[in-house]
Amino acid sequence: MVAGGATKDARVDQLRIFRGDAPLWSGSQLQAQIARGATLDQLGMKAGDRIQVPSKPDPESKWRITGLIVTSFAAAVGILALTR
């Protein structure tokens, strides 16, 4: 990976290249090509091909959502208590 490389959230091990809906490259074959420094031309890529790099799940997102729900509920209870 060059030109900035992958982000910390990228799952490079699950990188896939698609042409239309069909996978063109994936798995260990693609990893081997990347390791040897293959170019886009050497991979046979054309305009319109898609490179898909899945991201790792964010473990903190569950806590953020839970916090929003609890905060919203507490705010609603507080407003009801103040208006009575």
C-alpha atoms as a PDB file:
ATOM      1  CA  MET A   1       0.000   0.000   0.000  1.00  0.00           C
ATOM      2  CA  VAL A   2       1.426   3.336  -1.047  1.00  0.00           C
ATOM      3  CA  ALA A   3       0.129   6.919  -1.346  1.00  0.00           C
ATOM      4  CA  GLY A   4      -0.943   7.307   2.256  1.00  0.00           C
ATOM      5  CA  GLY A   5      -1.742   3.658   2.877  1.00  0.00           C
ATOM      6  CA  ALA A   6      -4.752   2.196   4.558  1.00  0.00           C
ATOM      7  CA  THR A   7      -6.450   3.759   7.582  1.00  0.00           C
ATOM      8  CA  LYS A   8      -6.355   2.102  10.995  1.00  0.00           C
ATOM      9  CA  ASP A   9      -9.961   0.970  10.510  1.00  0.00           C
ATOM     10  CA  ALA A  10      -9.361  -0.723   7.138  1.00  0.00           C
ATOM     11  CA  ARG A  11      -9.609  -4.503   6.937  1.00  0.00           C
ATOM     12  CA  VAL A  12      -6.999  -4.899   4.221  1.00  0.00           C
ATOM     13  CA  ASP A  13      -7.128  -8.680   4.656  1.00  0.00           C
ATOM     14  CA  GLN A  14     -10.688  -8.547   3.261  1.00  0.00           C
ATOM     15  CA  LEU A  15      -9.881  -6.260   0.308  1.00  0.00           C
ATOM     16  CA  ARG A  16     -11.826  -7.158  -2.854  1.00  0.00           C
ATOM     17  CA  ILE A  17     -11.943  -5.856  -6.407  1.00  0.00           C
ATOM     18  CA  PHE A  18     -15.166  -6.099  -8.410  1.00  0.00           C
ATOM     19  CA  ARG A  19     -16.071  -5.680 -12.054  1.00  0.00           C
ATOM     20  CA  GLY A  20     -19.779  -5.057 -12.049  1.00  0.00           C
ATOM     21  CA  ASP A  21     -21.188  -7.460  -9.464  1.00  0.00           C
ATOM     22  CA  ALA A  22     -18.577 -10.164 -10.070  1.00  0.00           C
ATOM     23  CA  PRO A  23     -15.430 -10.366  -7.926  1.00  0.00           C
ATOM     24  CA  LEU A  24     -12.286  -9.860 -10.004  1.00  0.00           C
ATOM     25  CA  TRP A  25      -9.709 -10.305  -7.229  1.00  0.00           C
ATOM     26  CA  SER A  26     -10.019 -11.277  -3.566  1.00  0.00           C
ATOM     27  CA  GLY A  27      -8.503 -13.335  -0.789  1.00  0.00           C
ATOM     28  CA  SER A  28      -4.995 -14.738  -0.759  1.00  0.00           C
ATOM     29  CA  GLN A  29      -4.516 -14.263  -4.513  1.00  0.00           C
ATOM     30  CA  LEU A  30      -5.068 -10.517  -4.191  1.00  0.00           C
ATOM     31  CA  GLN A  31      -2.915 -10.326  -1.054  1.00  0.00           C
ATOM     32  CA  ALA A  32      -0.064 -12.047  -2.920  1.00  0.00           C
ATOM     33  CA  GLN A  33      -0.376  -9.589  -5.828  1.00  0.00           C
ATOM     34  CA  ILE A  34      -0.296  -6.622  -3.441  1.00  0.00           C
ATOM     35  CA  ALA A  35       2.721  -8.075  -1.614  1.00  0.00           C
ATOM     36  CA  ARG A  36       4.669  -8.364  -4.867  1.00  0.00           C
ATOM     37  CA  GLY A  37       3.749  -4.775  -5.793  1.00  0.00           C
ATOM     38  CA  ALA A  38       1.434  -5.462  -8.740  1.00  0.00           C
ATOM     39  CA  THR A  39       0.138  -2.404 -10.595  1.00  0.00           C
ATOM     40  CA  LEU A  40      -3.481  -1.803 -11.597  1.00  0.00           C
ATOM     41  CA  ASP A  41      -2.547  -2.732 -15.172  1.00  0.00           C
ATOM     42  CA  GLN A  42      -0.971  -5.983 -13.997  1.00  0.00           C
ATOM     43  CA  LEU A  43      -4.158  -6.780 -12.092  1.00  0.00           C
ATOM     44  CA  GLY A  44      -6.128  -6.236 -15.302  1.00  0.00           C
ATOM     45  CA  MET A  45      -8.224  -3.458 -13.829  1.00  0.00           C
ATOM     46  CA  LYS A  46     -10.301  -1.203 -16.054  1.00  0.00           C
ATOM     47  CA  ALA A  47     -12.231   2.027 -15.593  1.00  0.00           C
ATOM     48  CA  GLY A  48     -15.357   1.320 -13.550  1.00  0.00           C
ATOM     49  CA  ASP A  49     -13.877  -1.517 -11.477  1.00  0.00           C
ATOM     50  CA  ARG A  50     -14.532  -1.098  -7.746  1.00  0.00           C
ATOM     51  CA  ILE A  51     -12.068  -1.579  -4.927  1.00  0.00           C
ATOM     52  CA  GLN A  52     -13.881  -2.515  -1.723  1.00  0.00           C
ATOM     53  CA  VAL A  53     -12.070  -2.159   1.602  1.00  0.00           C
ATOM     54  CA  PRO A  54     -14.344  -3.152   4.498  1.00  0.00           C
ATOM     55  CA  SER A  55     -13.884  -1.351   7.795  1.00  0.00           C
ATOM     56  CA  LYS A  56     -13.478  -2.851  11.226  1.00  0.00           C
ATOM     57  CA  PRO A  57     -16.538  -2.600  13.476  1.00  0.00           C
ATOM     58  CA  ASP A  58     -16.457   0.339  15.862  1.00  0.00           C
ATOM     59  CA  PRO A  59     -16.788  -1.072  19.395  1.00  0.00           C
ATOM     60  CA  GLU A  60     -17.509   2.385  20.800  1.00  0.00           C
ATOM     61  CA  SER A  61     -20.562   2.936  18.581  1.00  0.00           C
ATOM     62  CA  LYS A  62     -22.742   0.731  20.823  1.00  0.00           C
ATOM     63  CA  TRP A  63     -21.803   2.850  23.828  1.00  0.00           C
ATOM     64  CA  ARG A  64     -22.499   6.094  21.947  1.00  0.00           C
ATOM     65  CA  ILE A  65     -25.956   4.875  20.910  1.00  0.00           C
ATOM     66  CA  THR A  66     -26.686   3.642  24.436  1.00  0.00           C
ATOM     67  CA  GLY A  67     -25.573   7.012  25.814  1.00  0.00           C
ATOM     68  CA  LEU A  68     -27.858   8.882  23.417  1.00  0.00           C
ATOM     69  CA  ILE A  69     -30.845   6.744  24.396  1.00  0.00           C
ATOM     70  CA  VAL A  70     -30.199   7.091  28.136  1.00  0.00           C
ATOM     71  CA  THR A  71     -29.601  10.848  27.829  1.00  0.00           C
ATOM     72  CA  SER A  72     -32.790  11.327  25.787  1.00  0.00           C
ATOM     73  CA  PHE A  73     -34.802   9.327  28.308  1.00  0.00           C
ATOM     74  CA  ALA A  74     -33.316  11.258  31.240  1.00  0.00           C
ATOM     75  CA  ALA A  75     -34.052  14.570  29.508  1.00  0.00           C
ATOM     76  CA  ALA A  76     -37.677  13.541  28.897  1.00  0.00           C
ATOM     77  CA  VAL A  77     -38.087  12.490  32.549  1.00  0.00           C
ATOM     78  CA  GLY A  78     -36.495  15.753  33.701  1.00  0.00           C
ATOM     79  CA  ILE A  79     -38.804  17.858  31.542  1.00  0.00           C
ATOM     80  CA  LEU A  80     -41.865  15.967  32.812  1.00  0.00           C
ATOM     81  CA  ALA A  81     -40.728  16.422  36.418  1.00  0.00           C
ATOM     82  CA  LEU A  82     -40.215  20.172  35.947  1.00  0.00           C
ATOM     83  CA  THR A  83     -43.583  20.729  34.268  1.00  0.00           C
ATOM     84  CA  ARG A  84     -45.648  19.077  37.035  1.00  0.00           C
END
